[in-house]
């Protein structure tokens, strides 16, 4: 058998030109990442809306606008407070049943400043 030839790279001749390039500016050291501060999960406007579409006629209440990092904890607390099922779908909390006014009141007690009841 003959020795297979290594394919030559068209860029191998450019490697010798790299030494002829002038040195670039010095890069500033990257700032050290600070400890993640506890962000307010209710900083944005929160929309509480009722929906039936795609749920076999069952009414659910959706909550949009809560920060991603707090969705699971808030969902767990909300399920316990309302005594109903809830889950996270596409960055929104989906609560089983029509609980708009109760959810708005609960969120305001938890420190949410801008809660809007949608349709």
C-alpha atoms as a PDB file:
ATOM      1  CA  UNK A   1       0.000   0.000   0.000  1.00  0.00           C
ATOM      2  CA  UNK A   2       1.136   3.486  -0.732  1.00  0.00           C
ATOM      3  CA  UNK A   3       1.307   6.112   1.998  1.00  0.00           C
ATOM      4  CA  UNK A   4      -1.690   8.402   1.753  1.00  0.00           C
ATOM      5  CA  UNK A   5      -0.731  12.034   1.297  1.00  0.00           C
ATOM      6  CA  UNK A   6      -1.904  14.534   3.840  1.00  0.00           C
ATOM      7  CA  UNK A   7      -4.139  17.126   2.255  1.00  0.00           C
ATOM      8  CA  UNK A   8      -2.449  20.498   2.196  1.00  0.00           C
ATOM      9  CA  UNK A   9      -4.284  23.424   3.683  1.00  0.00           C
ATOM     10  CA  UNK A  10      -4.591  26.526   1.501  1.00  0.00           C
ATOM     11  CA  UNK A  11      -4.052  28.600   4.653  1.00  0.00           C
ATOM     12  CA  UNK A  12      -0.765  27.016   5.701  1.00  0.00           C
ATOM     13  CA  UNK A  13       1.223  29.628   3.740  1.00  0.00           C
ATOM     14  CA  UNK A  14      -0.531  32.395   5.707  1.00  0.00           C
ATOM     15  CA  UNK A  15       0.915  31.113   8.997  1.00  0.00           C
ATOM     16  CA  UNK A  16       4.337  32.479   8.077  1.00  0.00           C
ATOM     17  CA  UNK A  17       2.840  35.952   7.525  1.00  0.00           C
ATOM     18  CA  UNK A  18       1.447  36.047  11.072  1.00  0.00           C
ATOM     19  CA  UNK A  19       4.866  36.940  12.523  1.00  0.00           C
ATOM     20  CA  UNK A  20       5.105  39.998  10.250  1.00  0.00           C
ATOM     21  CA  UNK A  21       1.910  41.562  11.637  1.00  0.00           C
ATOM     22  CA  UNK A  22       2.208  44.416  14.152  1.00  0.00           C
ATOM     23  CA  UNK A  23       1.146  43.699  17.712  1.00  0.00           C
ATOM     24  CA  UNK A  24      -2.411  44.739  18.514  1.00  0.00           C
ATOM     25  CA  UNK A  25      -3.474  46.922  21.428  1.00  0.00           C
ATOM     26  CA  UNK A  26      -3.376  45.413  24.894  1.00  0.00           C
ATOM     27  CA  UNK A  27      -6.712  44.120  26.059  1.00  0.00           C
ATOM     28  CA  UNK A  28      -8.014  45.323  29.367  1.00  0.00           C
ATOM     29  CA  UNK A  29      -8.641  42.494  31.817  1.00  0.00           C
ATOM     30  CA  UNK A  30     -12.252  41.432  31.954  1.00  0.00           C
ATOM     31  CA  UNK A  31     -14.079  42.672  35.037  1.00  0.00           C
ATOM     32  CA  UNK A  32     -14.618  39.984  37.624  1.00  0.00           C
ATOM     33  CA  UNK A  33     -18.211  38.806  37.652  1.00  0.00           C
ATOM     34  CA  UNK A  34     -19.935  40.137  40.698  1.00  0.00           C
ATOM     35  CA  UNK A  35     -22.067  37.934  42.871  1.00  0.00           C
ATOM     36  CA  UNK A  36     -25.536  37.665  41.367  1.00  0.00           C
ATOM     37  CA  UNK A  37     -27.730  40.076  43.233  1.00  0.00           C
ATOM     38  CA  UNK A  38     -31.210  39.006  44.151  1.00  0.00           C
ATOM     39  CA  UNK A  39     -33.182  40.573  41.331  1.00  0.00           C
ATOM     40  CA  UNK A  40     -36.747  41.670  41.865  1.00  0.00           C
ATOM     41  CA  UNK A  41     -38.943  39.085  40.100  1.00  0.00           C
ATOM     42  CA  UNK A  42     -41.742  41.651  39.905  1.00  0.00           C
ATOM     43  CA  UNK A  43     -39.737  44.463  38.250  1.00  0.00           C
ATOM     44  CA  UNK A  44     -41.680  44.342  34.964  1.00  0.00           C
ATOM     45  CA  UNK A  45     -45.403  44.744  34.356  1.00  0.00           C
ATOM     46  CA  UNK A  46     -47.245  41.532  35.212  1.00  0.00           C
ATOM     47  CA  UNK A  47     -50.287  40.580  33.139  1.00  0.00           C
ATOM     48  CA  UNK A  48     -52.852  38.187  34.631  1.00  0.00           C
ATOM     49  CA  UNK A  49     -55.236  36.913  31.947  1.00  0.00           C
ATOM     50  CA  UNK A  50     -57.976  34.305  31.544  1.00  0.00           C
ATOM     51  CA  UNK A  51     -57.757  31.839  28.655  1.00  0.00           C
ATOM     52  CA  UNK A  52     -59.618  28.825  27.248  1.00  0.00           C
ATOM     53  CA  UNK A  53     -57.954  28.343  23.880  1.00  0.00           C
ATOM     54  CA  UNK A  54     -56.336  24.963  23.288  1.00  0.00           C
ATOM     55  CA  UNK A  55     -57.415  23.592  26.652  1.00  0.00           C
ATOM     56  CA  UNK A  56     -60.538  21.638  25.782  1.00  0.00           C
ATOM     57  CA  UNK A  57     -62.876  24.340  27.081  1.00  0.00           C
ATOM     58  CA  UNK A  58     -61.224  24.455  30.503  1.00  0.00           C
ATOM     59  CA  UNK A  59     -60.500  27.908  31.901  1.00  0.00           C
ATOM     60  CA  UNK A  60     -56.960  28.732  33.004  1.00  0.00           C
ATOM     61  CA  UNK A  61     -55.373  31.909  34.303  1.00  0.00           C
ATOM     62  CA  UNK A  62     -52.003  32.883  32.811  1.00  0.00           C
ATOM     63  CA  UNK A  63     -49.436  35.110  34.487  1.00  0.00           C
ATOM     64  CA  UNK A  64     -46.846  36.752  32.226  1.00  0.00           C
ATOM     65  CA  UNK A  65     -44.029  39.139  33.072  1.00  0.00           C
ATOM     66  CA  UNK A  66     -42.385  37.409  36.032  1.00  0.00           C
ATOM     67  CA  UNK A  67     -38.597  37.064  35.837  1.00  0.00           C
ATOM     68  CA  UNK A  68     -37.346  33.683  34.570  1.00  0.00           C
ATOM     69  CA  UNK A  69     -35.145  32.999  37.575  1.00  0.00           C
ATOM     70  CA  UNK A  70     -38.094  33.145  39.987  1.00  0.00           C
ATOM     71  CA  UNK A  71     -40.778  31.289  38.020  1.00  0.00           C
ATOM     72  CA  UNK A  72     -40.437  27.930  39.772  1.00  0.00           C
ATOM     73  CA  UNK A  73     -40.424  29.327  43.309  1.00  0.00           C
ATOM     74  CA  UNK A  74     -43.369  31.648  42.667  1.00  0.00           C
ATOM     75  CA  UNK A  75     -45.338  28.859  40.966  1.00  0.00           C
ATOM     76  CA  UNK A  76     -44.822  26.595  43.968  1.00  0.00           C
ATOM     77  CA  UNK A  77     -45.905  29.306  46.430  1.00  0.00           C
ATOM     78  CA  UNK A  78     -48.905  30.246  44.284  1.00  0.00           C
ATOM     79  CA  UNK A  79     -50.111  26.634  44.052  1.00  0.00           C
ATOM     80  CA  UNK A  80     -49.936  26.340  47.821  1.00  0.00           C
ATOM     81  CA  UNK A  81     -51.646  29.689  48.458  1.00  0.00           C
ATOM     82  CA  UNK A  82     -54.533  29.112  46.032  1.00  0.00           C
ATOM     83  CA  UNK A  83     -54.912  25.372  46.542  1.00  0.00           C
ATOM     84  CA  UNK A  84     -54.924  24.695  42.808  1.00  0.00           C
ATOM     85  CA  UNK A  85     -52.687  23.265  40.126  1.00  0.00           C
ATOM     86  CA  UNK A  86     -50.192  25.431  38.280  1.00  0.00           C
ATOM     87  CA  UNK A  87     -47.364  24.902  35.820  1.00  0.00           C
ATOM     88  CA  UNK A  88     -44.870  26.854  33.732  1.00  0.00           C
ATOM     89  CA  UNK A  89     -45.406  26.982  29.955  1.00  0.00           C
ATOM     90  CA  UNK A  90     -43.338  29.177  27.608  1.00  0.00           C
ATOM     91  CA  UNK A  91     -42.143  31.487  30.378  1.00  0.00           C
ATOM     92  CA  UNK A  92     -45.636  32.020  31.801  1.00  0.00           C
ATOM     93  CA  UNK A  93     -47.333  30.562  34.846  1.00  0.00           C
ATOM     94  CA  UNK A  94     -50.556  28.722  33.974  1.00  0.00           C
ATOM     95  CA  UNK A  95     -52.978  28.253  36.890  1.00  0.00           C
ATOM     96  CA  UNK A  96     -55.939  25.883  36.614  1.00  0.00           C
ATOM     97  CA  UNK A  97     -59.248  27.704  36.953  1.00  0.00           C
ATOM     98  CA  UNK A  98     -60.333  31.326  36.926  1.00  0.00           C
ATOM     99  CA  UNK A  99     -58.409  33.058  39.726  1.00  0.00           C
ATOM    100  CA  UNK A 100     -57.594  36.496  38.258  1.00  0.00           C
ATOM    101  CA  UNK A 101     -58.587  38.764  41.182  1.00  0.00           C
ATOM    102  CA  UNK A 102     -57.132  36.378  43.792  1.00  0.00           C
ATOM    103  CA  UNK A 103     -53.829  36.147  41.914  1.00  0.00           C
ATOM    104  CA  UNK A 104     -53.652  39.927  41.512  1.00  0.00           C
ATOM    105  CA  UNK A 105     -54.210  40.411  45.242  1.00  0.00           C
ATOM    106  CA  UNK A 106     -51.626  37.723  46.094  1.00  0.00           C
ATOM    107  CA  UNK A 107     -49.005  39.259  43.787  1.00  0.00           C
ATOM    108  CA  UNK A 108     -49.562  42.730  45.243  1.00  0.00           C
ATOM    109  CA  UNK A 109     -49.129  41.342  48.755  1.00  0.00           C
ATOM    110  CA  UNK A 110     -45.826  39.791  47.600  1.00  0.00           C
ATOM    111  CA  UNK A 111     -44.534  43.180  46.413  1.00  0.00           C
ATOM    112  CA  UNK A 112     -45.573  43.404  42.752  1.00  0.00           C
ATOM    113  CA  UNK A 113     -46.209  47.032  41.864  1.00  0.00           C
ATOM    114  CA  UNK A 114     -47.657  46.809  38.353  1.00  0.00           C
ATOM    115  CA  UNK A 115     -50.237  44.024  38.036  1.00  0.00           C
ATOM    116  CA  UNK A 116     -52.789  44.252  35.217  1.00  0.00           C
ATOM    117  CA  UNK A 117     -55.870  42.046  34.820  1.00  0.00           C
ATOM    118  CA  UNK A 118     -56.249  41.135  31.148  1.00  0.00           C
ATOM    119  CA  UNK A 119     -59.119  39.459  29.384  1.00  0.00           C
END
